[in-house]
Structures are given as C-alpha cells and as structure tokens.
Amino acid sequence: MNTTNANHTFSDKEILRQLNKILKAEMFRSSKVLSNFLKFVVSEKLKGREDTLKEHRIAVKGLGLPATFDPKHLANIRIYAIRLRTLLQSYYTSKGANDEIRISVPKGGYKPAFSKHVPGSTEQPAETANQRLSIAVHPLMKGTPGISEELVHQLGEQLTSELTARSGLNAVVYPYAREGGQEGHGLLPAALSITGTLTDADDTLVANIQLLSAQQEAPLQSWQFETGSNNPQALVAEIATAVYRALDEQKETLPASHGNHE
C-alpha cells in the first residue's frame, strides 16, 4: 500500500522504516509514552483508520489506559501531542536533519502527516525547538501528605503545555520525560528550570515556586501562589504568566544563546 501526503507518495515500508529510525533515537527511547503515541497514530493511518484517532481511542488503544479511565484526564492526550510535536521537531533539527521522510502530527488533530525533505536543503523552519528558550519543569515536591502523585503529575504536564504554548518557549517536564529510571535530560538542553513545593492546608493549595538558572546558584525569581483545593488548575495559568513575565524582565541576563524568546 502507498500513502500519499504533501504531494509525495511513500510506501508503507518506507514510512515504517522512518518511524523505526525515529523511535531508535535516544530522545524517543527516553520516553515510552511519546514513542507509543507516535507508533500508534502512524500505524492507524497506514491501516486507513486515521479518522478514528480521537483522544479516548489513543489513550486506550495506543497508551494502554483502561477503557474505564476518568475522562477528565483526556486533556493529557492533548498535552502529550504538544510534547510529541516538540520532540519530532527537535529530532528533525538534530539527528534526523538529513532524513528524507518527515513525519509530523499537525496541530488541530492527531492525524500524522508525511512529507519529503531534500537532504542538504537550505530551507529552515521559522522557529526550531533548539532556537527556543528551554525550561525544565520539575515535579513539585509534596509538602504535605495529602498531595497525591497524580496531582503533581497533572500539574507538571499542564504547566509544560501552558509554557510550550507561549511564543519562544520550550518546556520539558521531568521526570515524566524519562523511562526506566533514566533522566530525559538529553531531550532538550535546559537553560532554566522550575521547581518548588506544593502543600494543602485548610482546603487551600499553596505552591512555592522557584525559577532557577543553570548558570547561577541563587534563584532568578521566587513566588507563592494559592488556590482552593478543588481548583488546582488555577495555579497553572498563574505560574506560567509569572514565569513568562520574569523571563521578559530578565532576558538581558539570560544565556546569550537562549536569551531571545520573543
């Protein structure tokens, strides 16, 4: 069977060969979730089932979640898709720069696209992952026993998504970009990192956040945010906005190679 995309026709064998090459790259071997996501959507398209690529199907059939999982976590599939697009972009601007077949997952859905790249072409994307300011989002430490691992994971993923959506920012959440106990720091060199603690007292969530630079010991900025225990997502927008403003205010002091995030 041949697949036509972007005015080029590729055989299934060629596409699968390219897929396997991508999955063997260290940046993908470090993330089983994103590897399974990419493998599933490409496989479904080759089988002619691309119109069935909805969030619930990807979660259950592609990522192995139970069919009865809580629908409120479907937002995580959108977050994984954002991270997958970023990781594919990083792959094609580094190890896969000369690969002839380009696999992508265009925004607005989960249907993969295949296009042809001429090795040695001088054409450059408007903005590559490596040109963005990279921020490592570390999971918040649990300051009180009532804070669950699921909440920490969810806030980390949502904050990563929110920051990546901002122009010129590229966020990777740790350790959820790792598998088998190996840190995923090879994915993107992070000039900055976000860390902190999360506590729950009297039905109030309190997040103490620090923005750190790889080049200095003292935090660039520190904040404290509060919200009701029943609305943890409110913290995400507040933290992302505060971080973005801090970067804009301190862009002159950021590493020269990553200082422009406009």
Protein backbone atom coordinates (compact mmCIF):
# COMPACT_ATOMS: atom_id res chain seq x y z
CA MET A 1 0.00 0.00 0.00
CA ASN A 2 1.16 3.53 -0.77
CA THR A 3 0.37 6.62 1.28
CA THR A 4 0.07 9.98 -0.44
CA ASN A 5 0.76 13.09 1.60
CA ALA A 6 2.01 16.59 0.79
CA ASN A 7 2.21 15.79 -2.93
CA HIS A 8 4.51 12.80 -2.35
CA THR A 9 3.78 9.08 -2.30
CA PHE A 10 5.56 6.76 0.12
CA SER A 11 5.19 3.03 0.57
CA ASP A 12 4.16 1.69 3.96
CA LYS A 13 7.57 0.06 4.17
CA GLU A 14 9.33 3.41 3.71
CA ILE A 15 7.19 5.10 6.35
CA LEU A 16 7.69 2.26 8.85
CA ARG A 17 11.43 2.36 8.23
CA GLN A 18 11.43 6.08 9.03
CA LEU A 19 9.25 5.51 12.09
CA ASN A 20 11.62 2.87 13.45
CA LYS A 21 14.57 5.18 12.86
CA ILE A 22 12.89 7.91 14.89
CA LEU A 23 11.96 5.53 17.71
CA LYS A 24 15.56 4.34 17.98
CA ALA A 25 16.79 7.88 18.68
CA GLU A 26 17.76 8.45 22.31
CA MET A 27 15.26 11.27 22.75
CA PHE A 28 12.43 8.87 21.92
CA ARG A 29 13.87 5.84 23.71
CA SER A 30 13.82 8.02 26.84
CA SER A 31 10.05 8.45 26.62
CA LYS A 32 7.95 5.32 26.22
CA VAL A 33 4.69 7.30 26.29
CA LEU A 34 5.58 9.57 23.36
CA SER A 35 7.06 6.64 21.42
CA ASN A 36 3.85 4.64 21.84
CA PHE A 37 1.79 7.68 20.89
CA LEU A 38 3.71 8.18 17.63
CA LYS A 39 3.78 4.47 16.81
CA PHE A 40 0.03 4.17 17.29
CA VAL A 41 -1.08 7.17 15.22
CA VAL A 42 1.24 6.25 12.34
CA SER A 43 0.08 2.62 12.42
CA GLU A 44 -3.59 3.65 12.43
CA LYS A 45 -3.08 5.93 9.45
CA LEU A 46 -1.36 3.20 7.47
CA LYS A 47 -4.31 0.91 8.25
CA GLY A 48 -6.72 3.53 6.93
CA ARG A 49 -8.12 4.35 10.36
CA GLU A 50 -6.86 7.91 10.75
CA ASP A 51 -10.42 9.25 11.18
CA THR A 52 -10.72 7.21 14.39
CA LEU A 53 -7.76 8.97 16.01
CA LYS A 54 -9.65 10.57 18.87
CA GLU A 55 -8.35 11.21 22.37
CA HIS A 56 -10.11 8.29 24.07
CA ARG A 57 -9.00 5.78 21.43
CA ILE A 58 -5.38 6.97 21.61
CA ALA A 59 -5.45 6.73 25.42
CA VAL A 60 -6.89 3.20 25.49
CA LYS A 61 -5.54 1.54 22.35
CA GLY A 62 -2.32 3.47 21.97
CA LEU A 63 -1.18 4.15 25.54
CA GLY A 64 -2.74 1.15 27.24
CA LEU A 65 -5.00 3.00 29.68
CA PRO A 66 -8.11 1.15 30.90
CA ALA A 67 -11.32 1.82 28.99
CA THR A 68 -12.87 3.00 32.26
CA PHE A 69 -10.25 5.66 32.96
CA ASP A 70 -11.51 9.07 34.14
CA PRO A 71 -12.49 11.22 31.09
CA LYS A 72 -11.15 14.33 32.85
CA HIS A 73 -7.68 13.02 32.04
CA LEU A 74 -8.33 13.23 28.29
CA ALA A 75 -6.64 16.63 28.44
CA ASN A 76 -3.38 14.75 28.99
CA ILE A 77 -3.61 13.39 25.43
CA ARG A 78 -3.54 16.95 24.10
CA ILE A 79 -0.53 17.65 26.28
CA TYR A 80 1.25 14.52 25.02
CA ALA A 81 0.53 15.65 21.46
CA ILE A 82 2.18 19.02 22.13
CA ARG A 83 5.22 17.29 23.59
CA LEU A 84 5.34 14.88 20.66
CA ARG A 85 5.33 17.73 18.13
CA THR A 86 8.16 19.41 20.05
CA LEU A 87 10.17 16.19 20.21
CA LEU A 88 9.72 15.47 16.50
CA GLN A 89 10.85 19.00 15.72
CA SER A 90 13.90 18.51 17.92
CA TYR A 91 14.69 15.21 16.18
CA TYR A 92 14.49 16.72 12.69
CA THR A 93 16.70 19.67 13.64
CA SER A 94 19.39 17.36 15.04
CA LYS A 95 19.85 13.64 14.44
CA GLY A 96 17.24 13.45 11.67
CA ALA A 97 18.21 16.65 9.85
CA ASN A 98 19.01 14.76 6.63
CA ASP A 99 16.18 12.23 6.76
CA GLU A 100 14.20 12.21 3.52
CA ILE A 101 10.79 11.41 5.03
CA ARG A 102 9.38 13.81 7.59
CA ILE A 103 6.72 12.54 10.00
CA SER A 104 4.67 15.17 11.80
CA VAL A 105 1.43 15.49 13.75
CA PRO A 106 -0.10 18.80 12.60
CA LYS A 107 -1.88 20.97 15.14
CA GLY A 108 -5.64 20.66 15.35
CA GLY A 109 -5.78 16.86 15.50
CA TYR A 110 -3.83 13.64 15.83
CA LYS A 111 -3.56 12.52 12.20
CA PRO A 112 0.10 12.12 11.21
CA ALA A 113 1.42 13.65 8.01
CA PHE A 114 4.31 12.51 5.82
CA SER A 115 6.34 14.86 3.66
CA LYS A 116 9.55 14.73 1.64
CA HIS A 117 12.69 16.59 2.64
CA VAL A 118 15.62 17.07 0.31
CA PRO A 119 18.85 16.37 2.26
CA GLY A 120 21.15 19.37 2.24
CA SER A 121 18.28 21.78 1.61
CA THR A 122 18.96 25.28 2.87
CA GLU A 123 15.30 25.78 3.77
CA GLN A 124 14.92 26.28 7.50
CA PRO A 125 11.79 26.25 9.66
CA ALA A 126 10.70 29.61 11.01
CA GLU A 127 11.44 28.52 14.56
CA THR A 128 13.08 25.29 15.65
CA ALA A 129 12.99 23.67 19.06
CA ASN A 130 16.68 24.34 19.53
CA GLN A 131 16.16 28.08 18.93
CA ARG A 132 13.67 28.32 21.75
CA LEU A 133 14.44 29.02 25.37
CA SER A 134 14.33 25.62 27.08
CA ILE A 135 12.84 25.23 30.55
CA ALA A 136 12.88 22.04 32.62
CA VAL A 137 9.68 21.73 34.66
CA HIS A 138 10.49 19.59 37.70
CA PRO A 139 7.58 17.93 39.52
CA LEU A 140 6.66 19.90 42.63
CA MET A 141 7.72 18.29 45.89
CA LYS A 142 4.88 17.21 48.17
CA GLY A 143 4.92 19.41 51.26
CA THR A 144 2.04 17.64 52.98
CA PRO A 145 0.81 14.01 52.98
CA GLY A 146 -2.48 14.95 51.30
CA ILE A 147 -0.79 15.81 48.00
CA SER A 148 -1.13 12.91 45.55
CA GLU A 149 1.33 11.77 42.89
CA GLU A 150 -1.46 12.12 40.34
CA LEU A 151 -1.95 15.80 41.19
CA VAL A 152 1.78 16.51 40.97
CA HIS A 153 1.96 14.73 37.63
CA GLN A 154 -1.11 16.53 36.27
CA LEU A 155 0.10 19.99 37.28
CA GLY A 156 3.53 19.32 35.79
CA GLU A 157 2.04 18.23 32.46
CA GLN A 158 -0.36 21.16 32.32
CA LEU A 159 2.34 23.68 33.18
CA THR A 160 4.56 22.20 30.47
CA SER A 161 1.74 22.56 27.96
CA GLU A 162 0.99 26.13 29.02
CA LEU A 163 4.62 27.23 28.78
CA THR A 164 5.20 25.50 25.44
CA ALA A 165 2.17 27.30 24.03
CA ARG A 166 3.86 30.63 24.78
CA SER A 167 5.85 32.07 21.89
CA GLY A 168 9.53 31.18 22.03
CA LEU A 169 9.36 28.79 24.99
CA ASN A 170 10.12 25.09 25.00
CA ALA A 171 9.28 23.23 28.21
CA VAL A 172 10.02 19.62 29.16
CA VAL A 173 8.67 18.06 32.33
CA TYR A 174 10.95 15.84 34.44
CA PRO A 175 10.97 13.02 35.38
CA TYR A 176 8.00 12.28 33.13
CA ALA A 177 10.27 12.58 30.08
CA ARG A 178 12.15 9.55 31.36
CA GLU A 179 11.53 5.84 31.46
CA GLY A 180 13.29 3.06 33.36
CA GLY A 181 14.78 5.47 35.87
CA GLN A 182 16.90 7.32 33.34
CA GLU A 183 16.57 11.10 33.27
CA GLY A 184 15.49 12.55 29.97
CA HIS A 185 17.88 15.49 30.11
CA GLY A 186 19.16 14.55 26.66
CA LEU A 187 15.86 15.63 25.14
CA LEU A 188 16.46 19.36 25.30
CA PRO A 189 19.33 21.25 26.96
CA ALA A 190 17.53 23.36 29.57
CA ALA A 191 18.97 26.77 30.37
CA LEU A 192 16.38 27.25 33.12
CA SER A 193 14.34 25.11 35.45
CA ILE A 194 11.20 25.44 37.56
CA THR A 195 10.92 23.70 40.91
CA GLY A 196 9.11 24.13 44.19
CA THR A 197 6.77 22.58 46.77
CA LEU A 198 3.02 22.03 46.94
CA THR A 199 1.14 21.92 50.24
CA ASP A 200 -2.53 21.51 51.18
CA ALA A 201 -3.84 23.10 54.36
CA ASP A 202 -7.41 24.05 55.30
CA ASP A 203 -8.66 23.32 51.77
CA THR A 204 -6.08 25.67 50.26
CA LEU A 205 -3.33 24.61 47.88
CA VAL A 206 -0.12 26.62 48.29
CA ALA A 207 2.63 26.44 45.66
CA ASN A 208 6.06 27.87 46.42
CA ILE A 209 7.83 28.19 43.07
CA GLN A 210 11.41 28.99 42.11
CA LEU A 211 12.81 29.86 38.68
CA LEU A 212 16.42 28.70 38.50
CA SER A 213 19.22 29.31 36.01
CA ALA A 214 21.85 26.72 35.14
CA GLN A 215 24.47 29.49 35.37
CA GLN A 216 23.85 30.73 38.91
CA GLU A 217 23.02 29.25 42.30
CA ALA A 218 20.54 31.86 43.56
CA PRO A 219 17.01 31.67 42.14
CA LEU A 220 16.17 34.17 39.43
CA GLN A 221 12.73 34.60 40.98
CA SER A 222 10.55 33.10 43.71
CA TRP A 223 6.77 33.20 44.10
CA GLN A 224 3.96 31.87 46.28
CA PHE A 225 0.56 31.06 44.78
CA GLU A 226 -2.65 29.97 46.50
CA THR A 227 -5.90 28.47 45.27
CA GLY A 228 -8.75 26.32 46.57
CA SER A 229 -8.05 22.59 46.82
CA ASN A 230 -10.90 21.95 44.37
CA ASN A 231 -9.33 24.15 41.65
CA PRO A 232 -5.63 23.20 41.29
CA GLN A 233 -5.61 24.13 37.57
CA ALA A 234 -5.84 27.80 38.59
CA LEU A 235 -2.23 27.55 39.72
CA VAL A 236 -1.02 26.62 36.24
CA ALA A 237 -2.02 29.84 34.48
CA GLU A 238 -0.69 31.97 37.36
CA ILE A 239 2.68 30.21 37.41
CA ALA A 240 3.07 30.31 33.61
CA THR A 241 2.23 34.02 33.46
CA ALA A 242 4.64 34.84 36.30
CA VAL A 243 7.46 32.84 34.67
CA TYR A 244 6.90 34.44 31.27
CA ARG A 245 6.94 37.94 32.77
CA ALA A 246 10.11 37.15 34.70
CA LEU A 247 11.84 35.95 31.53
CA ASP A 248 10.83 39.12 29.72
CA GLU A 249 12.14 41.30 32.56
CA GLN A 250 15.43 39.40 32.84
CA LYS A 251 16.08 38.49 29.21
CA GLU A 252 19.29 40.55 29.19
CA THR A 253 20.76 38.32 31.92
CA LEU A 254 19.78 35.01 30.33
CA PRO A 255 22.33 32.85 28.45
CA ALA A 256 23.20 34.57 25.18
CA SER A 257 22.32 31.57 23.01
CA HIS A 258 18.84 31.31 24.50
CA GLY A 259 18.02 34.84 25.54
CA ASN A 260 15.52 35.72 22.86
CA HIS A 261 12.05 34.32 23.47
CA GLU A 262 10.01 36.81 21.50
